[in-house]
Structure formats: C-alpha cells, structure tokens
Amino acid sequence: MQPRYGLDDKTVSQDEVQIILRDNGYEDGDHVTLFVNGKAYTQSIFLTNAGQSVLVPLNLGANLVQITGDLDGGGGVTLAADVSSQGNMSSSPIPVDSTAAFYIIRR
C-alpha cells in the first residue's frame, strides 16, 4: 500500500459515493488525479478551496482510492477529501508524482 499522507479508510453502505477533493491550504495551483480501483476518475484537476465533486461507483468490499499529486503550486500538494459527507480527511502535503492512498469499504 502506498503512503496515506494522513488519509483514513472509510466504510459506507451505498454502491456509489461522492468524493469531494479540495485544497485545504492556500489555493495556489495544486493539481491531482483521482483513481479508484485503478481507474482514473479525474485527470489532473485544479484543487480549489470550494472543492470538486466526483461521483464514484464502488465494488463490494475494499475499494482502493489513490490520489496522485500532479502539480504543486508551492509548499506541497495540500489536499482534503470528503467521502459522502463523512467528514473531511486532510492530508499532509503530497509531493509531486507521489500518491496518497486509502480504502473505502462498501458493506
């Protein structure tokens, strides 16, 4: 498993979730790509403080979520992720070309 950079696993019961990705620091030009179970759901999106919402289908069991830091506007790629309103998970800065990972477990 890749480093988590402070992101925690989440457990849900629904077959799809909204993942909101946002810049939790200064809106300085950070870009990330979101993968779930190896499939890209975004392509180098610009992180804003308001956030970008992505609807993602889930398999039963463990679903691997990977967020790759594509571009750093300064100070590392700062990121918060909200999985179906279960609360924001803030990462420590992700270096460019590195990936933060966590699981969404669908029961």
C-alpha atoms as a PDB file:
ATOM      1  CA  MET A   1       0.000   0.000   0.000  1.00  0.00           C
ATOM      2  CA  GLN A   2       1.181   3.496  -0.788  1.00  0.00           C
ATOM      3  CA  PRO A   3       1.671   6.132   1.909  1.00  0.00           C
ATOM      4  CA  ARG A   4      -1.536   7.549   3.339  1.00  0.00           C
ATOM      5  CA  TYR A   5      -0.336  11.102   3.987  1.00  0.00           C
ATOM      6  CA  GLY A   6      -2.901  11.292   6.808  1.00  0.00           C
ATOM      7  CA  LEU A   7      -5.918   9.914   4.886  1.00  0.00           C
ATOM      8  CA  ASP A   8      -8.032   7.294   6.696  1.00  0.00           C
ATOM      9  CA  ASP A   9     -10.176   4.421   5.462  1.00  0.00           C
ATOM     10  CA  LYS A  10     -13.949   4.969   5.298  1.00  0.00           C
ATOM     11  CA  THR A  11     -16.831   2.468   5.487  1.00  0.00           C
ATOM     12  CA  VAL A  12     -20.076   3.016   3.567  1.00  0.00           C
ATOM     13  CA  SER A  13     -23.175   1.028   2.614  1.00  0.00           C
ATOM     14  CA  GLN A  14     -24.082   2.703  -0.689  1.00  0.00           C
ATOM     15  CA  ASP A  15     -22.956   1.476  -4.121  1.00  0.00           C
ATOM     16  CA  GLU A  16     -21.551   4.880  -5.131  1.00  0.00           C
ATOM     17  CA  VAL A  17     -20.083   7.839  -3.258  1.00  0.00           C
ATOM     18  CA  GLN A  18     -19.346  11.500  -3.836  1.00  0.00           C
ATOM     19  CA  ILE A  19     -15.702  12.289  -3.248  1.00  0.00           C
ATOM     20  CA  ILE A  20     -15.027  15.996  -2.860  1.00  0.00           C
ATOM     21  CA  LEU A  21     -11.403  16.992  -3.370  1.00  0.00           C
ATOM     22  CA  ARG A  22     -10.323  20.444  -2.275  1.00  0.00           C
ATOM     23  CA  ASP A  23      -7.238  22.466  -1.471  1.00  0.00           C
ATOM     24  CA  ASN A  24      -7.167  22.734   2.318  1.00  0.00           C
ATOM     25  CA  GLY A  25      -4.442  25.367   2.249  1.00  0.00           C
ATOM     26  CA  TYR A  26      -3.784  28.351   0.054  1.00  0.00           C
ATOM     27  CA  GLU A  27      -5.414  27.967  -3.373  1.00  0.00           C
ATOM     28  CA  ASP A  28      -2.083  28.047  -5.161  1.00  0.00           C
ATOM     29  CA  GLY A  29      -2.406  25.844  -8.238  1.00  0.00           C
ATOM     30  CA  ASP A  30      -2.221  22.298  -6.874  1.00  0.00           C
ATOM     31  CA  HIS A  31      -3.452  19.586  -9.279  1.00  0.00           C
ATOM     32  CA  VAL A  32      -4.314  15.942  -8.524  1.00  0.00           C
ATOM     33  CA  THR A  33      -5.611  12.868 -10.319  1.00  0.00           C
ATOM     34  CA  LEU A  34      -8.133  10.569  -8.577  1.00  0.00           C
ATOM     35  CA  PHE A  35      -8.058   6.814  -9.164  1.00  0.00           C
ATOM     36  CA  VAL A  36     -10.451   4.247  -7.678  1.00  0.00           C
ATOM     37  CA  ASN A  37      -9.622   0.574  -8.144  1.00  0.00           C
ATOM     38  CA  GLY A  38      -7.066   1.543 -10.774  1.00  0.00           C
ATOM     39  CA  LYS A  39      -9.460   3.602 -12.931  1.00  0.00           C
ATOM     40  CA  ALA A  40      -8.877   7.342 -13.361  1.00  0.00           C
ATOM     41  CA  TYR A  41     -11.943   9.421 -12.432  1.00  0.00           C
ATOM     42  CA  THR A  42     -10.251  12.790 -12.945  1.00  0.00           C
ATOM     43  CA  GLN A  43      -7.327  13.988 -14.985  1.00  0.00           C
ATOM     44  CA  SER A  44      -5.103  16.470 -13.216  1.00  0.00           C
ATOM     45  CA  ILE A  45      -7.863  18.641 -11.738  1.00  0.00           C
ATOM     46  CA  PHE A  46      -7.098  22.028 -10.212  1.00  0.00           C
ATOM     47  CA  LEU A  47      -7.833  21.987  -6.475  1.00  0.00           C
ATOM     48  CA  THR A  48      -9.899  24.885  -5.194  1.00  0.00           C
ATOM     49  CA  ASN A  49     -10.900  25.725  -1.638  1.00  0.00           C
ATOM     50  CA  ALA A  50     -14.548  25.116  -2.610  1.00  0.00           C
ATOM     51  CA  GLY A  51     -13.696  21.665  -3.971  1.00  0.00           C
ATOM     52  CA  GLN A  52     -14.520  19.450  -6.926  1.00  0.00           C
ATOM     53  CA  SER A  53     -17.079  16.658  -6.561  1.00  0.00           C
ATOM     54  CA  VAL A  54     -16.654  13.298  -8.291  1.00  0.00           C
ATOM     55  CA  LEU A  55     -19.270  10.502  -8.268  1.00  0.00           C
ATOM     56  CA  VAL A  56     -17.568   7.112  -7.981  1.00  0.00           C
ATOM     57  CA  PRO A  57     -19.156   3.622  -8.163  1.00  0.00           C
ATOM     58  CA  LEU A  58     -17.945   1.090  -5.593  1.00  0.00           C
ATOM     59  CA  ASN A  59     -17.456  -2.663  -5.575  1.00  0.00           C
ATOM     60  CA  LEU A  60     -18.482  -4.708  -2.542  1.00  0.00           C
ATOM     61  CA  GLY A  61     -15.618  -4.891  -0.071  1.00  0.00           C
ATOM     62  CA  ALA A  62     -12.439  -2.831  -0.225  1.00  0.00           C
ATOM     63  CA  ASN A  63     -12.055  -0.141  -2.904  1.00  0.00           C
ATOM     64  CA  LEU A  64      -8.591   1.361  -3.272  1.00  0.00           C
ATOM     65  CA  VAL A  65      -8.591   5.157  -3.634  1.00  0.00           C
ATOM     66  CA  GLN A  66      -5.375   6.747  -4.893  1.00  0.00           C
ATOM     67  CA  ILE A  67      -4.764  10.475  -5.259  1.00  0.00           C
ATOM     68  CA  THR A  68      -1.658  11.472  -7.161  1.00  0.00           C
ATOM     69  CA  GLY A  69      -0.073  14.896  -6.763  1.00  0.00           C
ATOM     70  CA  ASP A  70       0.420  16.180 -10.314  1.00  0.00           C
ATOM     71  CA  LEU A  71       1.381  19.827  -9.860  1.00  0.00           C
ATOM     72  CA  ASP A  72       2.444  21.782  -6.788  1.00  0.00           C
ATOM     73  CA  GLY A  73       1.631  25.465  -6.601  1.00  0.00           C
ATOM     74  CA  GLY A  74       4.002  25.825  -3.622  1.00  0.00           C
ATOM     75  CA  GLY A  75       4.518  24.067  -0.291  1.00  0.00           C
ATOM     76  CA  GLY A  76       3.422  20.603  -1.429  1.00  0.00           C
ATOM     77  CA  VAL A  77       0.069  19.467  -2.765  1.00  0.00           C
ATOM     78  CA  THR A  78      -2.323  20.239   0.103  1.00  0.00           C
ATOM     79  CA  LEU A  79      -5.494  18.195  -0.032  1.00  0.00           C
ATOM     80  CA  ALA A  80      -8.689  17.428   1.843  1.00  0.00           C
ATOM     81  CA  ALA A  81     -11.067  14.663   0.779  1.00  0.00           C
ATOM     82  CA  ASP A  82     -14.682  14.263   1.872  1.00  0.00           C
ATOM     83  CA  VAL A  83     -16.261  10.856   1.181  1.00  0.00           C
ATOM     84  CA  SER A  84     -20.077  11.083   1.075  1.00  0.00           C
ATOM     85  CA  SER A  85     -20.166  13.735   3.787  1.00  0.00           C
ATOM     86  CA  GLN A  86     -18.420  11.526   6.348  1.00  0.00           C
ATOM     87  CA  GLY A  87     -16.151  14.413   7.162  1.00  0.00           C
ATOM     88  CA  ASN A  88     -13.056  15.844   5.642  1.00  0.00           C
ATOM     89  CA  MET A  89      -9.814  13.966   5.775  1.00  0.00           C
ATOM     90  CA  SER A  90      -6.852  16.271   5.483  1.00  0.00           C
ATOM     91  CA  SER A  91      -3.574  15.033   4.154  1.00  0.00           C
ATOM     92  CA  SER A  92      -0.104  16.177   4.939  1.00  0.00           C
ATOM     93  CA  PRO A  93       1.367  17.734   1.784  1.00  0.00           C
ATOM     94  CA  ILE A  94       1.779  15.212  -1.022  1.00  0.00           C
ATOM     95  CA  PRO A  95       4.959  15.551  -3.064  1.00  0.00           C
ATOM     96  CA  VAL A  96       4.541  15.867  -6.843  1.00  0.00           C
ATOM     97  CA  ASP A  97       4.478  12.455  -8.561  1.00  0.00           C
ATOM     98  CA  SER A  98       3.616  10.775  -5.232  1.00  0.00           C
ATOM     99  CA  THR A  99       0.355   9.050  -4.389  1.00  0.00           C
ATOM    100  CA  ALA A 100      -1.728   9.092  -1.221  1.00  0.00           C
ATOM    101  CA  ALA A 101      -3.944   6.045  -0.757  1.00  0.00           C
ATOM    102  CA  PHE A 102      -6.831   4.864   1.421  1.00  0.00           C
ATOM    103  CA  TYR A 103      -9.704   2.384   1.205  1.00  0.00           C
ATOM    104  CA  ILE A 104     -13.450   2.889   1.005  1.00  0.00           C
ATOM    105  CA  ILE A 105     -15.031  -0.299   2.301  1.00  0.00           C
ATOM    106  CA  ARG A 106     -18.514  -0.991   0.954  1.00  0.00           C
ATOM    107  CA  ARG A 107     -20.562  -3.296   3.215  1.00  0.00           C
END
